Amino acid sequence: MSLITPEPFLGHMGMGGAGTIRQLLEAALEERDIGYRTSAAITQITEDAVETSDAAATPSVCSIIIPPLAGVEAVATSEGLANPKGFIPVDNHYRHLGADSVYAVGVAVALPPVETTAVPVNFPKTGHMTEQMAKIAASDLVARLRGHEALTSELSARCILDMGDRAAYLAVDPVRPPRNRIPTVSEGRP
């Protein structure tokens, strides 16, 4: 078994890593004799291999591929609404940058990467983060209706990583570096 990822290192997760998640993931894969390659861009999938731009083909009997995120076609083709990938650019209140009566939250939002990587890595978008975005947008809408400016807050992330025989919990607050708190990474019992 092999893992091929565009991340520059395991546990980057589009947010520049968090605490000791890199070491935890590397150790978990090594314990299970699972090879991995980072900074790899898949160029082709054939019946018996996964090809990347940086190395020889990786033999494969069964491949599970997660394609890059793309926005909804109707949004992407609506002039002035989205960026070229189909995501909606927003401010800190989740208002559209060019139409402040339009709000967007969740996967639809264009969140810029935290850093440039050799192979592009999407910024994470989770249900937990979507709920936070919706609360910020709703607070802003109420404040605007009352003639005020709403406060904004940084997104945080909470993730549970299921590793089969054990799990890990990851808490990152805020998601975007620089972080004023050390991310929490705790491993469940075997």
N, C-alpha and C. Protein backbone atom coordinates (compact mmCIF):
# COMPACT_ATOMS: atom_id res chain seq x y z
N MET A 1 0.85 -1.17 0.00
CA MET A 1 0.00 0.00 0.00
C MET A 1 0.90 1.22 0.00
N SER A 2 0.45 2.25 -0.73
CA SER A 2 1.19 3.51 -0.82
C SER A 2 0.24 4.68 -0.75
N LEU A 3 0.72 5.79 -0.22
CA LEU A 3 -0.03 7.04 -0.19
C LEU A 3 0.76 8.05 -1.02
N ILE A 4 0.08 8.67 -1.96
CA ILE A 4 0.68 9.72 -2.77
C ILE A 4 -0.11 10.99 -2.48
N THR A 5 0.58 12.05 -2.07
CA THR A 5 -0.11 13.29 -1.68
C THR A 5 0.60 14.52 -2.26
N PRO A 6 -0.18 15.55 -2.59
CA PRO A 6 0.45 16.80 -3.04
C PRO A 6 1.06 17.60 -1.88
N GLU A 7 0.73 17.22 -0.65
CA GLU A 7 1.24 17.95 0.51
C GLU A 7 2.78 17.93 0.53
N PRO A 8 3.41 19.01 0.98
CA PRO A 8 4.87 19.00 1.07
C PRO A 8 5.38 18.07 2.17
N PHE A 9 4.52 17.76 3.14
CA PHE A 9 4.82 16.78 4.18
C PHE A 9 3.50 16.23 4.70
N LEU A 10 3.55 15.04 5.28
CA LEU A 10 2.33 14.45 5.84
C LEU A 10 1.82 15.36 6.96
N GLY A 11 0.52 15.59 6.97
CA GLY A 11 -0.07 16.42 8.00
C GLY A 11 -0.08 17.90 7.69
N HIS A 12 0.38 18.29 6.51
CA HIS A 12 0.31 19.69 6.11
C HIS A 12 -1.16 20.12 6.04
N MET A 13 -1.98 19.31 5.45
CA MET A 13 -3.44 19.46 5.37
C MET A 13 -3.89 20.80 4.82
N GLY A 14 -3.06 21.44 4.03
CA GLY A 14 -3.43 22.72 3.45
C GLY A 14 -3.37 23.89 4.41
N MET A 15 -2.96 23.62 5.65
CA MET A 15 -2.90 24.69 6.64
C MET A 15 -1.51 24.84 7.25
N GLY A 16 -0.50 24.27 6.58
CA GLY A 16 0.87 24.43 7.05
C GLY A 16 1.27 23.49 8.17
N GLY A 17 0.45 22.46 8.42
CA GLY A 17 0.74 21.52 9.50
C GLY A 17 0.19 22.03 10.82
N ALA A 18 0.34 21.19 11.82
CA ALA A 18 -0.18 21.56 13.13
C ALA A 18 0.48 20.70 14.20
N GLY A 19 1.22 21.33 15.07
CA GLY A 19 1.83 20.61 16.19
C GLY A 19 2.64 19.41 15.72
N THR A 20 2.40 18.27 16.34
CA THR A 20 3.16 17.06 16.05
C THR A 20 2.42 16.11 15.12
N ILE A 21 1.44 16.63 14.36
CA ILE A 21 0.66 15.75 13.47
C ILE A 21 1.54 15.09 12.42
N ARG A 22 2.55 15.77 11.94
CA ARG A 22 3.46 15.18 10.94
C ARG A 22 4.12 13.93 11.50
N GLN A 23 4.70 14.04 12.68
CA GLN A 23 5.39 12.91 13.28
C GLN A 23 4.41 11.77 13.57
N LEU A 24 3.21 12.10 14.04
CA LEU A 24 2.21 11.08 14.33
C LEU A 24 1.84 10.31 13.06
N LEU A 25 1.59 11.03 11.97
CA LEU A 25 1.20 10.37 10.72
C LEU A 25 2.34 9.56 10.11
N GLU A 26 3.54 10.12 10.11
CA GLU A 26 4.68 9.37 9.58
C GLU A 26 4.87 8.07 10.36
N ALA A 27 4.81 8.15 11.68
CA ALA A 27 4.98 6.96 12.51
C ALA A 27 3.87 5.94 12.26
N ALA A 28 2.63 6.40 12.13
CA ALA A 28 1.50 5.49 11.91
C ALA A 28 1.65 4.76 10.58
N LEU A 29 2.08 5.45 9.53
CA LEU A 29 2.26 4.79 8.23
C LEU A 29 3.46 3.83 8.27
N GLU A 30 4.53 4.25 8.89
CA GLU A 30 5.72 3.39 8.97
C GLU A 30 5.43 2.13 9.78
N GLU A 31 4.67 2.24 10.89
CA GLU A 31 4.27 1.07 11.69
C GLU A 31 3.52 0.05 10.84
N ARG A 32 2.75 0.54 9.91
CA ARG A 32 1.91 -0.33 9.08
C ARG A 32 2.57 -0.69 7.75
N ASP A 33 3.83 -0.30 7.58
CA ASP A 33 4.59 -0.56 6.36
C ASP A 33 3.89 0.02 5.13
N ILE A 34 3.35 1.22 5.29
CA ILE A 34 2.70 1.93 4.18
C ILE A 34 3.67 3.00 3.69
N GLY A 35 4.07 2.88 2.44
CA GLY A 35 4.97 3.86 1.85
C GLY A 35 4.20 5.13 1.51
N TYR A 36 4.91 6.25 1.44
CA TYR A 36 4.26 7.50 1.06
C TYR A 36 5.22 8.38 0.30
N ARG A 37 4.63 9.20 -0.57
CA ARG A 37 5.40 10.20 -1.32
C ARG A 37 4.67 11.52 -1.17
N THR A 38 5.41 12.57 -0.90
CA THR A 38 4.85 13.90 -0.76
C THR A 38 5.24 14.77 -1.95
N SER A 39 4.60 15.91 -2.07
CA SER A 39 4.83 16.85 -3.18
C SER A 39 4.71 16.16 -4.53
N ALA A 40 3.74 15.29 -4.66
CA ALA A 40 3.56 14.53 -5.89
C ALA A 40 2.26 14.95 -6.58
N ALA A 41 2.36 15.26 -7.86
CA ALA A 41 1.19 15.60 -8.67
C ALA A 41 0.86 14.43 -9.58
N ILE A 42 -0.33 13.89 -9.45
CA ILE A 42 -0.74 12.77 -10.31
C ILE A 42 -0.99 13.30 -11.71
N THR A 43 -0.37 12.64 -12.69
CA THR A 43 -0.54 13.05 -14.08
C THR A 43 -1.42 12.09 -14.88
N GLN A 44 -1.45 10.83 -14.44
CA GLN A 44 -2.25 9.84 -15.17
C GLN A 44 -2.49 8.62 -14.28
N ILE A 45 -3.66 8.03 -14.47
CA ILE A 45 -4.01 6.80 -13.79
C ILE A 45 -4.29 5.76 -14.86
N THR A 46 -3.57 4.66 -14.80
CA THR A 46 -3.79 3.60 -15.77
C THR A 46 -4.35 2.39 -15.04
N GLU A 47 -4.61 1.34 -15.78
CA GLU A 47 -5.18 0.13 -15.18
C GLU A 47 -4.27 -0.48 -14.12
N ASP A 48 -2.95 -0.28 -14.27
CA ASP A 48 -2.03 -0.93 -13.34
C ASP A 48 -1.01 0.00 -12.69
N ALA A 49 -1.21 1.32 -12.79
CA ALA A 49 -0.25 2.24 -12.18
C ALA A 49 -0.84 3.64 -11.98
N VAL A 50 -0.21 4.37 -11.06
CA VAL A 50 -0.49 5.78 -10.86
C VAL A 50 0.79 6.52 -11.24
N GLU A 51 0.69 7.41 -12.20
CA GLU A 51 1.86 8.14 -12.68
C GLU A 51 1.85 9.54 -12.10
N THR A 52 3.05 10.01 -11.73
CA THR A 52 3.20 11.36 -11.20
C THR A 52 4.26 12.11 -11.98
N SER A 53 4.25 13.43 -11.84
CA SER A 53 5.19 14.25 -12.59
C SER A 53 6.61 14.18 -12.05
N ASP A 54 6.79 13.64 -10.84
CA ASP A 54 8.10 13.69 -10.20
C ASP A 54 8.86 12.36 -10.14
N ALA A 55 8.22 11.26 -10.51
CA ALA A 55 8.90 9.97 -10.33
C ALA A 55 8.31 8.92 -11.25
N ALA A 56 8.89 7.75 -11.17
CA ALA A 56 8.38 6.62 -11.94
C ALA A 56 6.97 6.26 -11.48
N ALA A 57 6.28 5.53 -12.31
CA ALA A 57 4.92 5.11 -11.98
C ALA A 57 4.91 4.22 -10.74
N THR A 58 3.85 4.36 -9.94
CA THR A 58 3.65 3.51 -8.77
C THR A 58 2.68 2.41 -9.17
N PRO A 59 3.12 1.13 -9.13
CA PRO A 59 2.21 0.04 -9.50
C PRO A 59 0.96 0.06 -8.62
N SER A 60 -0.19 -0.26 -9.22
CA SER A 60 -1.44 -0.21 -8.47
C SER A 60 -2.43 -1.25 -8.97
N VAL A 61 -3.00 -1.99 -8.05
CA VAL A 61 -4.07 -2.93 -8.36
C VAL A 61 -5.41 -2.24 -8.15
N CYS A 62 -5.46 -1.37 -7.15
CA CYS A 62 -6.66 -0.60 -6.83
C CYS A 62 -6.22 0.79 -6.39
N SER A 63 -6.77 1.82 -6.99
CA SER A 63 -6.39 3.19 -6.65
C SER A 63 -7.62 3.96 -6.18
N ILE A 64 -7.46 4.69 -5.10
CA ILE A 64 -8.50 5.58 -4.61
C ILE A 64 -7.94 6.99 -4.77
N ILE A 65 -8.60 7.79 -5.59
CA ILE A 65 -8.10 9.11 -5.93
C ILE A 65 -9.08 10.16 -5.43
N ILE A 66 -8.56 11.18 -4.77
CA ILE A 66 -9.38 12.33 -4.38
C ILE A 66 -8.95 13.47 -5.29
N PRO A 67 -9.81 13.87 -6.23
CA PRO A 67 -9.43 14.94 -7.17
C PRO A 67 -9.40 16.30 -6.49
N PRO A 68 -8.73 17.28 -7.11
CA PRO A 68 -8.73 18.63 -6.55
C PRO A 68 -10.16 19.17 -6.47
N LEU A 69 -10.41 20.00 -5.47
CA LEU A 69 -11.72 20.62 -5.34
C LEU A 69 -11.97 21.58 -6.49
N ALA A 70 -13.20 21.66 -6.92
CA ALA A 70 -13.63 22.63 -7.92
C ALA A 70 -15.01 23.12 -7.53
N GLY A 71 -15.30 24.35 -7.87
CA GLY A 71 -16.59 24.93 -7.54
C GLY A 71 -17.71 24.38 -8.41
N VAL A 72 -18.92 24.73 -8.05
CA VAL A 72 -20.12 24.32 -8.78
C VAL A 72 -20.15 25.05 -10.13
N GLU A 73 -20.48 24.34 -11.19
CA GLU A 73 -20.46 24.92 -12.54
C GLU A 73 -21.34 26.17 -12.65
N ALA A 74 -22.53 26.14 -12.07
CA ALA A 74 -23.43 27.30 -12.16
C ALA A 74 -22.81 28.54 -11.52
N VAL A 75 -22.07 28.34 -10.44
CA VAL A 75 -21.40 29.46 -9.77
C VAL A 75 -20.20 29.90 -10.61
N ALA A 76 -19.43 28.94 -11.08
CA ALA A 76 -18.22 29.24 -11.86
C ALA A 76 -18.54 30.00 -13.14
N THR A 77 -19.69 29.72 -13.74
CA THR A 77 -20.04 30.36 -15.01
C THR A 77 -20.87 31.62 -14.84
N SER A 78 -21.15 32.01 -13.61
CA SER A 78 -21.88 33.26 -13.35
C SER A 78 -20.87 34.40 -13.29
N GLU A 79 -20.92 35.25 -14.28
CA GLU A 79 -19.91 36.30 -14.42
C GLU A 79 -19.78 37.16 -13.16
N GLY A 80 -18.53 37.31 -12.70
CA GLY A 80 -18.25 38.16 -11.56
C GLY A 80 -18.52 37.54 -10.20
N LEU A 81 -19.06 36.32 -10.17
CA LEU A 81 -19.40 35.71 -8.89
C LEU A 81 -18.25 34.93 -8.29
N ALA A 82 -17.47 34.23 -9.13
CA ALA A 82 -16.46 33.30 -8.61
C ALA A 82 -15.10 33.53 -9.24
N ASN A 83 -14.10 32.91 -8.62
CA ASN A 83 -12.76 32.93 -9.20
C ASN A 83 -12.69 31.88 -10.32
N PRO A 84 -11.57 31.75 -11.01
CA PRO A 84 -11.49 30.78 -12.12
C PRO A 84 -11.77 29.32 -11.72
N LYS A 85 -11.57 28.97 -10.46
CA LYS A 85 -11.84 27.60 -10.02
C LYS A 85 -13.30 27.40 -9.58
N GLY A 86 -14.09 28.47 -9.59
CA GLY A 86 -15.49 28.37 -9.23
C GLY A 86 -15.80 28.61 -7.77
N PHE A 87 -14.86 29.21 -7.03
CA PHE A 87 -15.08 29.51 -5.62
C PHE A 87 -15.34 31.01 -5.45
N ILE A 88 -16.12 31.35 -4.44
CA ILE A 88 -16.57 32.73 -4.24
C ILE A 88 -15.61 33.48 -3.31
N PRO A 89 -15.02 34.59 -3.81
CA PRO A 89 -14.13 35.39 -2.96
C PRO A 89 -14.96 36.18 -1.94
N VAL A 90 -14.54 36.12 -0.68
CA VAL A 90 -15.29 36.79 0.40
C VAL A 90 -14.34 37.57 1.30
N ASP A 91 -14.94 38.46 2.10
CA ASP A 91 -14.17 39.18 3.12
C ASP A 91 -14.26 38.42 4.44
N ASN A 92 -13.81 39.04 5.53
CA ASN A 92 -13.82 38.37 6.84
C ASN A 92 -15.22 38.15 7.43
N HIS A 93 -16.22 38.76 6.78
CA HIS A 93 -17.61 38.58 7.22
C HIS A 93 -18.33 37.57 6.32
N TYR A 94 -17.61 37.01 5.34
CA TYR A 94 -18.13 36.06 4.35
C TYR A 94 -19.11 36.72 3.38
N ARG A 95 -18.87 38.04 3.14
CA ARG A 95 -19.59 38.78 2.11
C ARG A 95 -18.75 38.73 0.84
N HIS A 96 -19.41 38.61 -0.29
CA HIS A 96 -18.72 38.62 -1.59
C HIS A 96 -17.91 39.91 -1.72
N LEU A 97 -16.72 39.80 -2.25
CA LEU A 97 -15.84 40.97 -2.36
C LEU A 97 -16.40 42.05 -3.29
N GLY A 98 -17.20 41.65 -4.28
CA GLY A 98 -17.73 42.63 -5.23
C GLY A 98 -19.21 42.92 -5.07
N ALA A 99 -19.90 42.17 -4.25
CA ALA A 99 -21.34 42.34 -4.06
C ALA A 99 -21.64 42.08 -2.59
N ASP A 100 -21.60 43.12 -1.78
CA ASP A 100 -21.66 42.89 -0.33
C ASP A 100 -23.03 42.45 0.20
N SER A 101 -24.01 42.27 -0.68
CA SER A 101 -25.29 41.69 -0.24
C SER A 101 -25.32 40.19 -0.50
N VAL A 102 -24.23 39.65 -1.01
CA VAL A 102 -24.12 38.21 -1.29
C VAL A 102 -23.15 37.61 -0.27
N TYR A 103 -23.59 36.58 0.41
CA TYR A 103 -22.76 35.87 1.39
C TYR A 103 -22.49 34.46 0.87
N ALA A 104 -21.37 33.91 1.27
CA ALA A 104 -21.05 32.52 0.93
C ALA A 104 -20.32 31.90 2.12
N VAL A 105 -20.59 30.63 2.39
CA VAL A 105 -19.91 29.89 3.45
C VAL A 105 -19.62 28.48 2.95
N GLY A 106 -18.75 27.80 3.67
CA GLY A 106 -18.48 26.39 3.37
C GLY A 106 -17.58 26.17 2.18
N VAL A 107 -17.81 25.07 1.51
CA VAL A 107 -16.96 24.67 0.38
C VAL A 107 -16.98 25.70 -0.74
N ALA A 108 -18.05 26.47 -0.87
CA ALA A 108 -18.18 27.46 -1.94
C ALA A 108 -17.20 28.61 -1.81
N VAL A 109 -16.63 28.82 -0.63
CA VAL A 109 -15.77 29.98 -0.36
C VAL A 109 -14.36 29.78 -0.91
N ALA A 110 -13.82 30.84 -1.49
CA ALA A 110 -12.44 30.84 -1.97
C ALA A 110 -11.53 31.20 -0.79
N LEU A 111 -10.91 30.20 -0.19
CA LEU A 111 -9.98 30.44 0.91
C LEU A 111 -8.56 30.32 0.35
N PRO A 112 -7.77 31.38 0.41
CA PRO A 112 -6.42 31.31 -0.14
C PRO A 112 -5.54 30.36 0.64
N PRO A 113 -4.57 29.75 -0.04
CA PRO A 113 -3.65 28.85 0.67
C PRO A 113 -2.83 29.61 1.70
N VAL A 114 -2.35 28.88 2.71
CA VAL A 114 -1.54 29.52 3.74
C VAL A 114 -0.11 29.79 3.26
N GLU A 115 0.29 29.07 2.22
CA GLU A 115 1.63 29.24 1.67
C GLU A 115 1.68 28.62 0.28
N THR A 116 2.69 29.00 -0.48
CA THR A 116 2.89 28.41 -1.79
C THR A 116 3.64 27.10 -1.61
N THR A 117 3.14 26.04 -2.24
CA THR A 117 3.79 24.72 -2.16
C THR A 117 4.15 24.27 -3.56
N ALA A 118 5.09 23.34 -3.67
CA ALA A 118 5.55 22.85 -4.98
C ALA A 118 4.37 22.33 -5.80
N VAL A 119 3.49 21.60 -5.17
CA VAL A 119 2.26 21.14 -5.79
C VAL A 119 1.13 21.81 -5.01
N PRO A 120 0.20 22.51 -5.69
CA PRO A 120 -0.86 23.21 -4.95
C PRO A 120 -1.65 22.29 -4.02
N VAL A 121 -1.93 22.79 -2.81
CA VAL A 121 -2.68 22.07 -1.80
C VAL A 121 -3.85 22.96 -1.39
N ASN A 122 -5.06 22.42 -1.43
CA ASN A 122 -6.24 23.19 -1.05
C ASN A 122 -6.25 23.49 0.44
N PHE A 123 -6.77 24.66 0.78
CA PHE A 123 -7.02 25.00 2.18
C PHE A 123 -8.17 24.12 2.64
N PRO A 124 -8.11 23.58 3.86
CA PRO A 124 -9.17 22.67 4.30
C PRO A 124 -10.52 23.37 4.45
N LYS A 125 -11.56 22.61 4.20
CA LYS A 125 -12.93 23.10 4.38
C LYS A 125 -13.70 21.96 5.03
N THR A 126 -14.05 22.15 6.29
CA THR A 126 -14.73 21.10 7.04
C THR A 126 -16.10 21.58 7.47
N GLY A 127 -16.93 20.65 7.91
CA GLY A 127 -18.24 21.00 8.43
C GLY A 127 -18.13 21.91 9.64
N HIS A 128 -17.16 21.64 10.49
CA HIS A 128 -16.93 22.46 11.68
C HIS A 128 -16.61 23.90 11.29
N MET A 129 -15.77 24.07 10.27
CA MET A 129 -15.41 25.40 9.81
C MET A 129 -16.60 26.07 9.12
N THR A 130 -17.40 25.30 8.39
CA THR A 130 -18.57 25.84 7.72
C THR A 130 -19.55 26.42 8.74
N GLU A 131 -19.75 25.72 9.84
CA GLU A 131 -20.64 26.21 10.89
C GLU A 131 -20.13 27.54 11.44
N GLN A 132 -18.82 27.67 11.63
CA GLN A 132 -18.25 28.92 12.12
C GLN A 132 -18.47 30.05 11.12
N MET A 133 -18.25 29.74 9.82
CA MET A 133 -18.45 30.74 8.77
C MET A 133 -19.91 31.23 8.77
N ALA A 134 -20.84 30.28 8.89
CA ALA A 134 -22.27 30.63 8.87
C ALA A 134 -22.62 31.54 10.06
N LYS A 135 -22.06 31.25 11.22
CA LYS A 135 -22.33 32.09 12.40
C LYS A 135 -21.76 33.50 12.20
N ILE A 136 -20.57 33.59 11.62
CA ILE A 136 -19.97 34.90 11.36
C ILE A 136 -20.82 35.67 10.35
N ALA A 137 -21.24 35.01 9.27
CA ALA A 137 -22.07 35.66 8.26
C ALA A 137 -23.41 36.09 8.84
N ALA A 138 -24.05 35.23 9.63
CA ALA A 138 -25.35 35.56 10.24
C ALA A 138 -25.20 36.74 11.20
N SER A 139 -24.14 36.75 12.01
CA SER A 139 -23.90 37.86 12.93
C SER A 139 -23.71 39.16 12.17
N ASP A 140 -23.00 39.08 11.05
CA ASP A 140 -22.77 40.27 10.24
C ASP A 140 -24.07 40.78 9.65
N LEU A 141 -24.88 39.89 9.15
CA LEU A 141 -26.15 40.29 8.55
C LEU A 141 -27.05 40.97 9.59
N VAL A 142 -27.15 40.40 10.78
CA VAL A 142 -27.95 41.00 11.85
C VAL A 142 -27.37 42.36 12.23
N ALA A 143 -26.07 42.45 12.39
CA ALA A 143 -25.43 43.72 12.75
C ALA A 143 -25.67 44.78 11.67
N ARG A 144 -25.56 44.42 10.43
CA ARG A 144 -25.79 45.37 9.33
C ARG A 144 -27.23 45.86 9.33
N LEU A 145 -28.17 44.95 9.58
CA LEU A 145 -29.58 45.35 9.63
C LEU A 145 -29.84 46.32 10.77
N ARG A 146 -29.03 46.21 11.83
CA ARG A 146 -29.17 47.11 12.99
C ARG A 146 -28.26 48.34 12.89
N GLY A 147 -27.53 48.44 11.78
CA GLY A 147 -26.67 49.60 11.56
C GLY A 147 -25.32 49.54 12.22
N HIS A 148 -24.85 48.35 12.55
CA HIS A 148 -23.54 48.18 13.20
C HIS A 148 -22.62 47.36 12.31
N GLU A 149 -21.38 47.28 12.73
CA GLU A 149 -20.40 46.40 12.09
C GLU A 149 -20.15 45.23 13.02
N ALA A 150 -20.31 44.02 12.53
CA ALA A 150 -20.13 42.83 13.37
C ALA A 150 -18.64 42.51 13.54
N LEU A 151 -18.33 41.85 14.62
CA LEU A 151 -16.98 41.36 14.85
C LEU A 151 -16.76 40.13 13.99
N THR A 152 -15.52 39.85 13.69
CA THR A 152 -15.17 38.62 12.99
C THR A 152 -14.28 37.80 13.90
N SER A 153 -14.07 36.56 13.53
CA SER A 153 -13.15 35.72 14.31
C SER A 153 -12.43 34.79 13.36
N GLU A 154 -11.30 34.29 13.81
CA GLU A 154 -10.52 33.34 13.04
C GLU A 154 -11.16 31.96 13.11
N LEU A 155 -11.05 31.22 12.03
CA LEU A 155 -11.57 29.85 12.01
C LEU A 155 -10.67 28.93 12.81
N SER A 156 -11.28 27.97 13.46
CA SER A 156 -10.54 26.91 14.14
C SER A 156 -10.94 25.59 13.49
N ALA A 157 -10.19 24.55 13.76
CA ALA A 157 -10.50 23.24 13.20
C ALA A 157 -10.40 22.18 14.27
N ARG A 158 -11.29 21.23 14.20
CA ARG A 158 -11.28 20.06 15.07
C ARG A 158 -11.42 18.84 14.16
N CYS A 159 -10.49 17.91 14.26
CA CYS A 159 -10.51 16.73 13.39
C CYS A 159 -10.26 15.47 14.22
N ILE A 160 -10.94 14.40 13.84
CA ILE A 160 -10.67 13.09 14.41
C ILE A 160 -10.13 12.24 13.28
N LEU A 161 -8.95 11.69 13.48
CA LEU A 161 -8.31 10.85 12.47
C LEU A 161 -8.47 9.40 12.89
N ASP A 162 -9.19 8.63 12.12
CA ASP A 162 -9.40 7.21 12.40
C ASP A 162 -8.26 6.42 11.76
N MET A 163 -7.48 5.74 12.58
CA MET A 163 -6.34 4.97 12.08
C MET A 163 -6.55 3.47 12.24
N GLY A 164 -7.81 3.05 12.26
CA GLY A 164 -8.10 1.63 12.35
C GLY A 164 -8.09 1.11 13.77
N ASP A 165 -6.90 0.90 14.33
CA ASP A 165 -6.80 0.36 15.69
C ASP A 165 -6.74 1.44 16.76
N ARG A 166 -6.65 2.68 16.36
CA ARG A 166 -6.67 3.80 17.29
C ARG A 166 -7.04 5.06 16.51
N ALA A 167 -7.15 6.15 17.24
CA ALA A 167 -7.52 7.41 16.61
C ALA A 167 -6.67 8.53 17.17
N ALA A 168 -6.74 9.66 16.52
CA ALA A 168 -6.06 10.85 17.01
C ALA A 168 -7.03 12.02 16.90
N TYR A 169 -6.87 12.96 17.80
CA TYR A 169 -7.68 14.17 17.81
C TYR A 169 -6.77 15.35 17.54
N LEU A 170 -7.19 16.23 16.66
CA LEU A 170 -6.40 17.39 16.30
C LEU A 170 -7.25 18.63 16.49
N ALA A 171 -6.75 19.61 17.25
CA ALA A 171 -7.43 20.89 17.44
C ALA A 171 -6.46 21.99 17.04
N VAL A 172 -6.87 22.82 16.09
CA VAL A 172 -6.02 23.89 15.60
C VAL A 172 -6.81 25.20 15.70
N ASP A 173 -6.24 26.16 16.44
CA ASP A 173 -6.96 27.41 16.66
C ASP A 173 -5.94 28.55 16.77
N PRO A 174 -5.91 29.43 15.82
CA PRO A 174 -6.67 29.47 14.58
C PRO A 174 -6.06 28.55 13.52
N VAL A 175 -6.82 28.34 12.45
CA VAL A 175 -6.36 27.46 11.38
C VAL A 175 -5.19 28.09 10.63
N ARG A 176 -5.26 29.38 10.40
CA ARG A 176 -4.20 30.06 9.64
C ARG A 176 -3.05 30.47 10.55
N PRO A 177 -1.82 30.11 10.16
CA PRO A 177 -0.66 30.61 10.89
C PRO A 177 -0.57 32.13 10.73
N PRO A 178 0.08 32.88 11.59
CA PRO A 178 0.74 32.37 12.79
C PRO A 178 -0.29 32.06 13.87
N ARG A 179 0.00 31.05 14.62
CA ARG A 179 -0.92 30.62 15.66
C ARG A 179 -0.39 31.08 17.02
N ASN A 180 -1.29 31.57 17.84
CA ASN A 180 -0.87 32.01 19.17
C ASN A 180 -1.02 30.89 20.19
N ARG A 181 -1.54 29.74 19.74
CA ARG A 181 -1.66 28.58 20.62
C ARG A 181 -1.08 27.36 19.91
N ILE A 182 -0.47 26.50 20.66
CA ILE A 182 0.08 25.27 20.08
C ILE A 182 -1.08 24.32 19.78
N PRO A 183 -1.14 23.79 18.55
CA PRO A 183 -2.22 22.85 18.23
C PRO A 183 -2.19 21.63 19.15
N THR A 184 -3.36 21.11 19.44
CA THR A 184 -3.50 19.92 20.28
C THR A 184 -3.52 18.70 19.40
N VAL A 185 -2.66 17.75 19.66
CA VAL A 185 -2.67 16.46 18.97
C VAL A 185 -2.63 15.42 20.07
N SER A 186 -3.69 14.64 20.18
CA SER A 186 -3.68 13.57 21.18
C SER A 186 -4.08 12.27 20.52
N GLU A 187 -3.40 11.23 20.93
CA GLU A 187 -3.62 9.91 20.34
C GLU A 187 -4.44 9.05 21.27
N GLY A 188 -5.39 8.36 20.68
CA GLY A 188 -6.22 7.43 21.48
C GLY A 188 -5.44 6.21 21.89
N ARG A 189 -6.01 5.42 22.74
CA ARG A 189 -5.35 4.21 23.21
C ARG A 189 -5.44 3.11 22.17
N PRO A 190 -4.38 2.27 22.04
CA PRO A 190 -4.44 1.14 21.09
C PRO A 190 -5.45 0.09 21.54
